[in-house]
């Protein structure tokens, strides 16, 4: 069924719902952290389930639904955030990496749509999307870049403000202040975005000794040697826990600081002479995992503060509460500490949602959804029109336990930035196909059987026994590219996509725009 047909049905259903529904429109609280791996949330029952402390996020899952197969379409902060805001893939939003500008005056925006529907709207915390894209927000206090863990500054309509304290606490403080001042007769849409758990990882002072006496369980692939995957993929990724001789090695950063100038925020690490590379990797992982989980603890406590406020106000059950992250994160899996590459730990977004008026408690849902779908799902809950240029599908029916108008067979993924190879592909329920494009235009593939190889250690792309599966997934990839309207010129590994983006006023942008004009002559 075509997207236009599905949207026509949705419009008709919307009309019916609008006539029969007289209940107060639900509030929407969209809580998003940065680089939060689903493995570090207790409700996801990973190898870390016995050490992570996330009772408030777990509560949302226990009292609502947890999505097992929620994926990002580009595992990098700015592109994912642009997708969530616009309901568009990178090739439509124009945000592929950390450099491009997003301007929403002439693009769809979940905030603009909800604001037009009578919602009070606010964005508070880490934003990290360049350009004129805060249209539709009644209030904002955001960090336009990474922001600081301590004493953060925020851009507002009135100018810059600075608050003393720890970022997760301050972001929650500002969120609660806005909630208290809002018009309580109108529904609200609040985006509370935490800086944590982005590196360099700095926990709150009260958590600096958390896990001191704990050995954090290691992931099964911490010592992955990449011998059975395509060398163009994970083997070419820079962000290693420990890689001798590499300036991107976390073990080196822990000794000299990220830029080689010393002063790692939580203290440097000293390795005894004579340690093997395996022991250095183990010690580096322990420091990384503990600092990371300490940041997660601060997030969870502040989720609890937001829940307590809504409960006190009598708005808890009339508020759709979502907790997610802009993408996943490697916490040692495959010997990595970043995101970017389209393996499971980066691709999978944690997503839990609570709304007892519609969502049955304790659900674990395995339907495939992705971050393109978020905007349309929120607009569906608000019973308002969905802009035609949004590319996703509402998964509200899935959360109600009903058959959706569209059930994804796969999710598309494309990665364009530095730190790992250009690549794109699809993820189905049981398989993943990733296509790598080298600088010499050489092409390589990883094909993973996720049912029998959930840790993605064995590439089956060149295995004759799996040729039919490989061909089927390639055909499905081509079909999905048509569905999302992405041409060859917009794929990772080409240079053409750079000619169609907005770089703002920087010199690089002027060069790109000049090239674009020359090409269009």
Protein backbone atom coordinates (compact mmCIF):
# COMPACT_ATOMS: atom_id res chain seq x y z
CA UNK A 1 0.00 0.00 0.00
CA UNK A 2 1.36 3.43 -0.95
CA UNK A 3 2.08 6.02 1.70
CA UNK A 4 -0.48 8.39 0.11
CA UNK A 5 -3.21 5.73 0.41
CA UNK A 6 -2.30 5.07 4.01
CA UNK A 7 -2.43 8.78 4.79
CA UNK A 8 -5.86 9.08 3.15
CA UNK A 9 -7.16 6.32 5.42
CA UNK A 10 -5.53 8.06 8.38
CA UNK A 11 -7.27 11.34 7.51
CA UNK A 12 -10.66 9.59 7.36
CA UNK A 13 -10.03 7.89 10.69
CA UNK A 14 -8.89 11.18 12.16
CA UNK A 15 -12.21 12.73 11.15
CA UNK A 16 -14.14 9.93 12.84
CA UNK A 17 -12.03 10.15 16.00
CA UNK A 18 -12.44 13.93 16.13
CA UNK A 19 -16.20 13.62 16.05
CA UNK A 20 -16.51 10.95 18.72
CA UNK A 21 -13.68 12.10 21.01
CA UNK A 22 -14.49 14.76 23.57
CA UNK A 23 -11.83 13.96 26.15
CA UNK A 24 -9.11 16.44 27.01
CA UNK A 25 -6.16 16.28 24.64
CA UNK A 26 -3.24 14.46 26.26
CA UNK A 27 -0.07 16.22 27.29
CA UNK A 28 3.13 14.89 25.73
CA UNK A 29 6.40 14.78 27.68
CA UNK A 30 9.23 13.69 25.39
CA UNK A 31 12.33 12.94 27.46
CA UNK A 32 15.45 12.28 25.42
CA UNK A 33 18.99 11.68 26.59
CA UNK A 34 22.14 11.68 24.48
CA UNK A 35 23.97 8.48 23.53
CA UNK A 36 22.03 6.31 25.98
CA UNK A 37 22.47 2.61 25.23
CA UNK A 38 19.42 0.43 25.80
CA UNK A 39 21.75 -2.10 27.46
CA UNK A 40 22.21 0.35 30.33
CA UNK A 41 18.50 0.48 31.18
CA UNK A 42 17.37 -2.21 33.59
CA UNK A 43 14.12 -2.92 31.75
CA UNK A 44 16.05 -4.06 28.66
CA UNK A 45 17.44 -7.05 30.60
CA UNK A 46 20.95 -6.93 29.16
CA UNK A 47 24.18 -8.32 30.60
CA UNK A 48 24.19 -5.17 32.79
CA UNK A 49 20.73 -5.71 34.31
CA UNK A 50 22.09 -6.60 37.74
CA UNK A 51 24.23 -3.45 38.10
CA UNK A 52 22.34 -0.64 36.35
CA UNK A 53 20.17 1.60 38.52
CA UNK A 54 17.28 3.00 36.46
CA UNK A 55 14.14 2.49 38.59
CA UNK A 56 12.26 5.48 37.15
CA UNK A 57 12.83 4.62 33.50
CA UNK A 58 12.01 1.01 34.38
CA UNK A 59 8.78 2.24 35.94
CA UNK A 60 7.73 3.78 32.63
CA UNK A 61 8.29 0.41 30.97
CA UNK A 62 6.49 -1.50 33.73
CA UNK A 63 3.48 0.82 33.58
CA UNK A 64 3.52 1.17 29.80
CA UNK A 65 5.26 -0.33 26.80
CA UNK A 66 8.87 -1.04 25.87
CA UNK A 67 9.87 -1.15 22.20
CA UNK A 68 12.36 -3.90 21.41
CA UNK A 69 12.97 -2.84 17.80
CA UNK A 70 13.08 0.95 17.72
CA UNK A 71 15.89 2.14 15.44
CA UNK A 72 17.49 5.39 14.37
CA UNK A 73 18.05 6.09 10.69
CA UNK A 74 21.43 7.79 11.17
CA UNK A 75 23.34 7.14 14.41
CA UNK A 76 24.63 10.64 15.02
CA UNK A 77 23.22 13.38 17.27
CA UNK A 78 22.23 16.17 14.88
CA UNK A 79 20.80 13.99 12.08
CA UNK A 80 18.72 11.95 14.52
CA UNK A 81 17.40 15.06 16.27
CA UNK A 82 16.51 16.65 12.93
CA UNK A 83 14.64 13.49 11.96
CA UNK A 84 12.69 13.45 15.22
CA UNK A 85 11.72 17.11 14.78
CA UNK A 86 10.74 16.94 11.09
CA UNK A 87 9.63 13.36 10.59
CA UNK A 88 12.03 13.15 7.65
CA UNK A 89 15.09 11.08 6.72
CA UNK A 90 18.46 12.84 6.39
CA UNK A 91 18.12 13.25 2.63
CA UNK A 92 14.90 15.25 3.16
CA UNK A 93 15.77 17.15 6.36
CA UNK A 94 19.17 18.06 4.87
CA UNK A 95 21.01 17.10 8.06
CA UNK A 96 23.46 14.27 7.36
CA UNK A 97 26.30 15.03 9.77
CA UNK A 98 27.05 17.50 12.60
CA UNK A 99 27.71 20.39 10.20
CA UNK A 100 24.52 21.12 8.27
CA UNK A 101 21.81 23.64 9.15
CA UNK A 102 18.13 22.79 9.55
CA UNK A 103 15.59 25.53 8.88
CA UNK A 104 11.99 24.60 9.66
CA UNK A 105 10.10 27.63 8.37
CA UNK A 106 9.45 25.72 5.15
CA UNK A 107 9.76 22.19 6.52
CA UNK A 108 7.39 20.12 8.63
CA UNK A 109 7.93 20.27 12.37
CA UNK A 110 6.18 18.40 15.15
CA UNK A 111 6.40 21.55 17.29
CA UNK A 112 4.79 23.76 14.64
CA UNK A 113 1.96 21.28 14.11
CA UNK A 114 1.23 20.82 17.80
CA UNK A 115 1.46 24.54 18.48
CA UNK A 116 -1.05 25.18 15.70
CA UNK A 117 -3.32 22.58 17.30
CA UNK A 118 -3.41 24.53 20.56
CA UNK A 119 -0.55 22.89 22.43
CA UNK A 120 1.86 24.88 24.55
CA UNK A 121 5.32 23.89 23.39
CA UNK A 122 8.77 24.00 24.97
CA UNK A 123 12.25 22.64 24.26
CA UNK A 124 14.68 22.49 27.17
CA UNK A 125 18.21 21.07 27.30
CA UNK A 126 20.58 19.83 24.67
CA UNK A 127 19.49 20.71 21.13
CA UNK A 128 22.60 20.45 18.94
CA UNK A 129 20.93 21.21 15.61
CA UNK A 130 22.20 24.25 13.73
CA UNK A 131 19.90 26.68 11.95
CA UNK A 132 16.53 28.36 12.37
CA UNK A 133 14.65 25.32 13.65
CA UNK A 134 12.99 26.38 16.90
CA UNK A 135 9.88 27.57 15.08
CA UNK A 136 6.70 26.46 16.82
CA UNK A 137 8.12 26.55 20.35
CA UNK A 138 6.51 28.99 22.79
CA UNK A 139 9.56 28.64 25.01
CA UNK A 140 13.04 27.25 24.64
CA UNK A 141 16.20 27.11 26.72
CA UNK A 142 18.66 25.00 24.75
CA UNK A 143 22.36 24.35 24.28
CA UNK A 144 23.01 24.84 20.59
CA UNK A 145 26.12 22.64 20.69
CA UNK A 146 27.28 20.04 23.23
CA UNK A 147 26.76 22.13 26.33
CA UNK A 148 28.54 21.61 29.63
CA UNK A 149 27.99 19.02 32.34
CA UNK A 150 28.50 21.66 35.01
CA UNK A 151 27.08 25.20 35.12
CA UNK A 152 25.44 24.98 31.67
CA UNK A 153 24.39 27.95 29.53
CA UNK A 154 21.21 28.00 27.46
CA UNK A 155 19.99 30.08 24.55
CA UNK A 156 16.50 31.51 25.03
CA UNK A 157 14.31 33.99 23.15
CA UNK A 158 15.54 36.67 25.56
CA UNK A 159 19.23 35.77 25.21
CA UNK A 160 21.68 33.54 27.06
CA UNK A 161 21.14 32.33 30.59
CA UNK A 162 23.52 30.38 32.80
CA UNK A 163 22.68 28.17 35.75
CA UNK A 164 24.92 26.83 38.49
CA UNK A 165 24.84 23.10 39.05
CA UNK A 166 24.84 19.74 37.30
CA UNK A 167 23.32 19.69 33.81
CA UNK A 168 20.76 16.90 34.31
CA UNK A 169 19.50 18.60 37.46
CA UNK A 170 19.42 22.06 35.86
CA UNK A 171 17.62 20.87 32.72
CA UNK A 172 14.99 19.33 34.96
CA UNK A 173 14.78 22.48 37.08
CA UNK A 174 14.05 24.61 34.01
CA UNK A 175 11.54 22.04 32.74
CA UNK A 176 9.66 22.09 36.06
CA UNK A 177 9.70 25.88 36.14
CA UNK A 178 8.10 25.99 32.70
CA UNK A 179 5.53 23.38 33.65
CA UNK A 180 4.61 25.39 36.72
CA UNK A 181 4.16 28.62 34.73
CA UNK A 182 2.24 27.11 31.79
CA UNK A 183 -1.47 27.69 31.13
CA UNK A 184 -2.86 24.65 32.91
CA UNK A 185 -6.07 24.74 30.88
CA UNK A 186 -4.17 23.79 27.70
CA UNK A 187 -2.27 20.61 26.79
CA UNK A 188 1.51 20.81 26.60
CA UNK A 189 4.29 19.32 24.50
CA UNK A 190 7.59 19.44 26.39
CA UNK A 191 10.90 18.17 25.00
CA UNK A 192 13.27 17.67 27.94
CA UNK A 193 16.67 16.76 26.49
CA UNK A 194 19.54 15.69 28.74
CA UNK A 195 23.19 16.18 27.80
CA UNK A 196 24.07 12.94 29.55
CA UNK A 197 25.26 10.37 28.76
CA UNK A 198 27.47 11.98 26.10
CA UNK A 199 31.22 11.87 26.53
CA UNK A 200 33.48 12.95 28.11
CA UNK A 201 31.38 11.42 30.87
CA UNK A 202 31.04 13.57 33.97
CA UNK A 203 28.64 12.38 36.65
CA UNK A 204 27.14 14.50 39.41
CA UNK A 205 29.30 14.83 42.52
CA UNK A 206 26.84 12.70 44.48
CA UNK A 207 27.49 9.79 42.10
CA UNK A 208 31.25 10.02 41.67
CA UNK A 209 31.86 6.99 43.94
CA UNK A 210 28.93 4.93 42.67
CA UNK A 211 30.15 1.49 41.46
CA UNK A 212 33.56 1.90 43.14
CA UNK A 213 33.30 -1.59 44.64
CA UNK A 214 31.57 -3.19 41.64
CA UNK A 215 33.05 -5.03 38.67
CA UNK A 216 30.94 -4.14 35.65
CA UNK A 217 30.09 -7.22 33.55
CA UNK A 218 31.82 -7.23 30.18
CA UNK A 219 29.91 -7.53 26.90
CA UNK A 220 30.46 -10.75 24.98
CA UNK A 221 32.14 -8.90 22.11
CA UNK A 222 34.56 -6.73 24.10
CA UNK A 223 37.45 -8.66 22.54
CA UNK A 224 35.99 -8.97 19.04
CA UNK A 225 38.90 -9.35 16.60
CA UNK A 226 36.72 -8.52 13.54
CA UNK A 227 38.03 -11.58 11.72
CA UNK A 228 34.61 -12.79 10.59
CA UNK A 229 33.05 -9.46 9.59
CA UNK A 230 33.76 -7.43 6.48
CA UNK A 231 37.00 -5.47 7.09
CA UNK A 232 35.40 -2.38 5.52
CA UNK A 233 32.94 -2.22 8.42
CA UNK A 234 33.61 -2.57 12.13
CA UNK A 235 37.32 -3.10 11.52
CA UNK A 236 37.52 0.39 10.01
CA UNK A 237 35.83 2.14 12.92
CA UNK A 238 38.06 4.45 14.95
CA UNK A 239 36.46 4.64 18.40
CA UNK A 240 38.16 1.69 20.10
CA UNK A 241 38.33 0.99 23.83
CA UNK A 242 42.01 0.17 23.36
CA UNK A 243 44.01 0.20 20.15
CA UNK A 244 47.78 0.60 20.48
CA UNK A 245 49.12 3.49 18.40
CA UNK A 246 45.74 5.07 17.69
CA UNK A 247 44.95 8.63 18.73
CA UNK A 248 41.29 7.57 18.86
CA UNK A 249 41.89 4.93 21.52
CA UNK A 250 39.95 5.59 24.72
CA UNK A 251 42.81 4.13 26.77
CA UNK A 252 45.01 6.95 25.44
CA UNK A 253 42.35 9.59 26.08
CA UNK A 254 42.10 8.42 29.69
CA UNK A 255 45.83 9.09 30.04
CA UNK A 256 46.27 12.30 28.04
CA UNK A 257 42.79 13.73 27.52
CA UNK A 258 40.82 13.66 24.28
CA UNK A 259 42.99 16.31 22.62
CA UNK A 260 46.27 15.09 24.09
CA UNK A 261 46.52 17.88 26.65
CA UNK A 262 45.69 15.90 29.77
CA UNK A 263 43.00 16.60 32.30
CA UNK A 264 40.38 13.93 31.71
CA UNK A 265 37.33 15.22 33.65
CA UNK A 266 37.00 12.27 36.01
CA UNK A 267 40.70 11.72 36.50
CA UNK A 268 43.36 10.08 34.39
CA UNK A 269 44.07 6.39 34.44
CA UNK A 270 47.52 4.93 35.10
CA UNK A 271 48.39 1.52 33.73
CA UNK A 272 51.07 -0.55 35.39
CA UNK A 273 54.08 -1.35 33.27
CA UNK A 274 54.04 -4.72 31.60
CA UNK A 275 50.25 -5.02 31.30
CA UNK A 276 49.02 -6.88 28.25
CA UNK A 277 46.76 -5.14 25.75
CA UNK A 278 43.93 -7.33 27.01
CA UNK A 279 44.40 -6.10 30.58
CA UNK A 280 44.61 -2.49 29.42
CA UNK A 281 41.37 -2.95 27.53
CA UNK A 282 39.72 -4.48 30.60
CA UNK A 283 40.76 -1.60 32.86
CA UNK A 284 39.75 1.02 30.29
CA UNK A 285 36.35 -0.60 29.92
CA UNK A 286 35.78 -0.59 33.68
CA UNK A 287 36.53 3.14 33.99
CA UNK A 288 34.41 3.99 30.94
CA UNK A 289 31.44 1.85 31.97
CA UNK A 290 31.43 3.20 35.54
CA UNK A 291 31.62 6.85 34.49
CA UNK A 292 28.91 6.23 31.89
CA UNK A 293 26.57 4.44 34.31
CA UNK A 294 27.08 7.22 36.88
CA UNK A 295 25.79 9.70 34.27
CA UNK A 296 22.84 7.41 33.58
CA UNK A 297 22.00 7.41 37.30
CA UNK A 298 21.69 11.21 37.19
CA UNK A 299 19.32 10.99 34.23
CA UNK A 300 17.11 8.44 35.96
CA UNK A 301 16.82 10.46 39.15
CA UNK A 302 15.61 13.44 37.16
CA UNK A 303 13.10 11.35 35.23
CA UNK A 304 11.76 10.54 38.70
CA UNK A 305 11.47 14.25 39.52
CA UNK A 306 9.39 14.85 36.38
CA UNK A 307 7.09 11.92 37.20
CA UNK A 308 6.65 13.16 40.77
CA UNK A 309 5.64 16.61 39.55
CA UNK A 310 3.04 15.25 37.13
CA UNK A 311 1.67 12.99 39.84
CA UNK A 312 1.39 15.89 42.28
CA UNK A 313 -0.40 17.97 39.64
CA UNK A 314 -2.86 15.19 38.83
CA UNK A 315 -1.59 15.10 35.23
CA UNK A 316 0.37 11.84 35.29
CA UNK A 317 -2.24 9.65 33.62
CA UNK A 318 -3.22 12.33 31.12
CA UNK A 319 0.37 12.70 29.92
CA UNK A 320 2.01 10.57 27.25
CA UNK A 321 5.50 10.11 28.68
CA UNK A 322 8.27 8.91 26.41
CA UNK A 323 11.84 8.12 27.33
CA UNK A 324 14.35 7.60 24.53
CA UNK A 325 17.80 8.58 23.29
CA UNK A 326 18.93 10.19 20.04
CA UNK A 327 20.59 6.88 19.14
CA UNK A 328 22.23 3.99 20.89
CA UNK A 329 25.83 3.65 22.06
CA UNK A 330 28.61 1.08 22.28
CA UNK A 331 29.53 0.46 25.90
CA UNK A 332 32.36 -1.92 25.10
CA UNK A 333 30.51 -4.03 22.51
CA UNK A 334 32.85 -4.91 19.64
CA UNK A 335 35.58 -3.17 21.65
CA UNK A 336 34.00 0.24 20.89
CA UNK A 337 32.86 3.28 22.88
CA UNK A 338 31.03 5.46 20.35
CA UNK A 339 27.97 5.10 18.07
CA UNK A 340 27.89 5.78 14.30
CA UNK A 341 28.33 2.27 12.87
CA UNK A 342 25.07 0.47 12.02
CA UNK A 343 25.56 -2.44 14.40
CA UNK A 344 22.80 -3.14 16.91
CA UNK A 345 24.11 -1.23 19.92
CA UNK A 346 24.18 2.09 18.00
CA UNK A 347 21.21 1.45 15.75
CA UNK A 348 18.77 0.49 18.51
CA UNK A 349 17.18 3.36 20.41
CA UNK A 350 15.73 2.73 23.84
CA UNK A 351 12.04 3.66 23.78
CA UNK A 352 9.58 3.30 26.63
CA UNK A 353 6.19 4.99 26.73
CA UNK A 354 3.53 5.33 29.40
CA UNK A 355 -0.09 6.39 28.78
CA UNK A 356 -2.49 4.21 30.79
CA UNK A 357 -5.59 5.55 29.01
CA UNK A 358 -4.52 3.64 25.89
CA UNK A 359 -1.37 1.64 26.53
CA UNK A 360 -1.62 -1.58 28.49
CA UNK A 361 1.03 -1.91 31.19
CA UNK A 362 3.94 -4.29 30.84
CA UNK A 363 3.99 -4.65 27.07
CA UNK A 364 7.16 -5.57 25.18
CA UNK A 365 6.60 -4.79 21.51
CA UNK A 366 8.78 -6.18 18.74
CA UNK A 367 7.30 -4.34 15.72
CA UNK A 368 9.91 -2.34 13.82
CA UNK A 369 9.61 1.43 14.20
CA UNK A 370 12.17 4.17 13.72
CA UNK A 371 12.72 7.79 14.67
CA UNK A 372 11.05 9.04 11.49
CA UNK A 373 7.82 7.75 13.04
CA UNK A 374 7.96 9.73 16.28
CA UNK A 375 6.52 13.01 14.98
CA UNK A 376 3.52 11.40 13.30
CA UNK A 377 2.80 9.29 16.37
CA UNK A 378 2.67 12.40 18.56
CA UNK A 379 0.43 14.22 16.07
CA UNK A 380 -1.83 11.19 15.96
CA UNK A 381 -2.21 11.29 19.75
CA UNK A 382 -3.04 14.99 19.49
CA UNK A 383 -5.69 14.19 16.85
CA UNK A 384 -4.29 16.82 14.51
CA UNK A 385 -3.34 16.83 10.84
CA UNK A 386 -0.08 15.23 9.74
CA UNK A 387 1.97 17.22 7.20
CA UNK A 388 2.21 15.48 3.85
CA UNK A 389 6.00 15.88 3.74
CA UNK A 390 6.54 13.82 6.88
CA UNK A 391 7.82 10.37 5.90
CA UNK A 392 6.93 8.20 8.87
CA UNK A 393 3.94 6.28 10.16
CA UNK A 394 2.13 6.56 13.46
CA UNK A 395 2.67 3.52 15.65
CA UNK A 396 -0.14 4.50 18.02
CA UNK A 397 -2.24 1.47 16.91
CA UNK A 398 0.64 -0.87 17.77
CA UNK A 399 0.79 0.57 21.28
CA UNK A 400 -2.95 -0.07 21.64
CA UNK A 401 -2.45 -3.69 20.67
CA UNK A 402 -4.11 -3.24 17.29
CA UNK A 403 -2.98 -3.87 13.74
CA UNK A 404 -1.23 -0.79 12.34
CA UNK A 405 -2.10 0.81 9.02
CA UNK A 406 1.50 0.14 8.06
CA UNK A 407 3.75 -2.48 9.63
CA UNK A 408 7.39 -1.96 8.71
CA UNK A 409 9.17 -4.89 7.10
CA UNK A 410 12.49 -3.13 7.60
CA UNK A 411 14.16 0.08 8.71
CA UNK A 412 16.59 2.00 6.49
CA UNK A 413 19.90 3.26 7.86
CA UNK A 414 22.47 5.60 6.30
CA UNK A 415 25.68 7.01 7.77
CA UNK A 416 27.66 9.87 6.19
CA UNK A 417 30.08 11.24 8.78
CA UNK A 418 33.63 10.58 9.92
CA UNK A 419 34.87 8.00 12.39
CA UNK A 420 33.65 4.98 10.46
CA UNK A 421 33.05 4.05 6.80
CA UNK A 422 30.23 5.49 4.72
CA UNK A 423 27.53 2.84 4.68
CA UNK A 424 23.81 2.19 4.42
CA UNK A 425 21.46 -0.75 4.63
CA UNK A 426 18.36 -2.22 6.23
CA UNK A 427 17.42 -4.02 9.40
CA UNK A 428 14.57 -6.55 9.34
CA UNK A 429 13.24 -8.63 12.21
CA UNK A 430 15.81 -11.38 11.65
CA UNK A 431 18.50 -9.98 9.36
CA UNK A 432 20.68 -6.97 8.74
CA UNK A 433 22.35 -5.98 5.48
CA UNK A 434 24.99 -3.22 5.55
CA UNK A 435 26.63 -1.93 2.37
CA UNK A 436 30.00 -0.15 2.77
CA UNK A 437 31.38 2.34 0.25
CA UNK A 438 35.14 2.81 0.33
CA UNK A 439 36.99 5.95 -0.71
CA UNK A 440 38.05 4.09 -3.85
CA UNK A 441 34.33 3.31 -4.43
CA UNK A 442 34.97 -0.31 -3.57
CA UNK A 443 31.81 -1.94 -2.16
CA UNK A 444 31.61 -4.41 0.70
CA UNK A 445 28.74 -6.07 2.55
CA UNK A 446 27.92 -7.44 5.96
CA UNK A 447 24.96 -9.79 6.21
CA UNK A 448 24.02 -10.88 9.71
CA UNK A 449 21.53 -13.53 10.79
CA UNK A 450 20.34 -11.80 13.96
CA UNK A 451 18.35 -14.78 15.20
CA UNK A 452 21.34 -17.12 15.23
CA UNK A 453 24.07 -14.50 15.57
CA UNK A 454 22.62 -11.67 17.73
CA UNK A 455 26.08 -10.24 18.45
CA UNK A 456 26.84 -9.74 14.73
CA UNK A 457 30.12 -11.57 14.61
CA UNK A 458 29.77 -13.64 11.41
CA UNK A 459 29.28 -12.06 7.98
CA UNK A 460 27.23 -14.28 5.66
CA UNK A 461 27.31 -12.04 2.58
CA UNK A 462 29.80 -14.24 0.71
CA UNK A 463 28.35 -17.51 1.98
CA UNK A 464 26.77 -19.40 -0.92
CA UNK A 465 24.33 -21.07 1.46
CA UNK A 466 22.84 -17.64 2.18
CA UNK A 467 22.87 -16.25 -1.38
CA UNK A 468 19.06 -16.32 -1.62
CA UNK A 469 18.78 -14.35 1.62
CA UNK A 470 21.43 -11.88 0.42
CA UNK A 471 19.57 -11.34 -2.86
CA UNK A 472 16.23 -10.98 -1.09
CA UNK A 473 17.60 -8.33 1.28
CA UNK A 474 19.22 -6.44 -1.57
CA UNK A 475 15.87 -6.37 -3.33
CA UNK A 476 14.17 -5.22 -0.13
CA UNK A 477 16.79 -2.48 0.27
CA UNK A 478 16.04 -1.23 -3.26
CA UNK A 479 12.30 -1.32 -2.50
CA UNK A 480 12.73 0.62 0.73
CA UNK A 481 14.87 3.24 -1.03
CA UNK A 482 11.95 3.84 -3.38
CA UNK A 483 9.54 4.02 -0.44
CA UNK A 484 11.56 6.76 1.25
CA UNK A 485 12.38 8.51 -2.04
CA UNK A 486 16.16 8.45 -1.77
CA UNK A 487 18.06 8.66 -5.05
CA UNK A 488 21.58 7.39 -5.66
CA UNK A 489 22.96 10.94 -5.39
CA UNK A 490 21.82 11.17 -1.76
CA UNK A 491 23.38 7.92 -0.55
CA UNK A 492 26.46 7.64 1.68
CA UNK A 493 29.63 7.24 -0.32
CA UNK A 494 28.69 9.82 -2.95
CA UNK A 495 29.82 13.43 -2.97
CA UNK A 496 26.66 14.75 -4.60
CA UNK A 497 24.60 14.97 -1.41
CA UNK A 498 26.98 17.66 -0.14
CA UNK A 499 25.84 19.94 -2.96
CA UNK A 500 22.27 20.06 -1.69
CA UNK A 501 22.72 21.02 1.95
CA UNK A 502 22.73 24.25 3.93
CA UNK A 503 25.99 24.94 5.75
CA UNK A 504 24.93 28.36 7.01
CA UNK A 505 27.41 31.21 6.62
CA UNK A 506 30.65 29.31 7.15
CA UNK A 507 33.34 29.17 4.50
CA UNK A 508 32.78 25.49 3.80
CA UNK A 509 29.14 26.26 3.06
CA UNK A 510 30.07 29.04 0.63
CA UNK A 511 32.36 26.67 -1.24
CA UNK A 512 29.67 24.01 -1.38
CA UNK A 513 27.03 26.47 -2.55
CA UNK A 514 29.39 27.71 -5.25
CA UNK A 515 29.92 24.15 -6.44
CA UNK A 516 26.17 23.60 -6.41
CA UNK A 517 25.61 26.67 -8.61
CA UNK A 518 28.28 25.51 -11.05
CA UNK A 519 26.72 22.06 -11.22
CA UNK A 520 23.28 23.49 -11.89
CA UNK A 521 24.43 25.70 -14.80
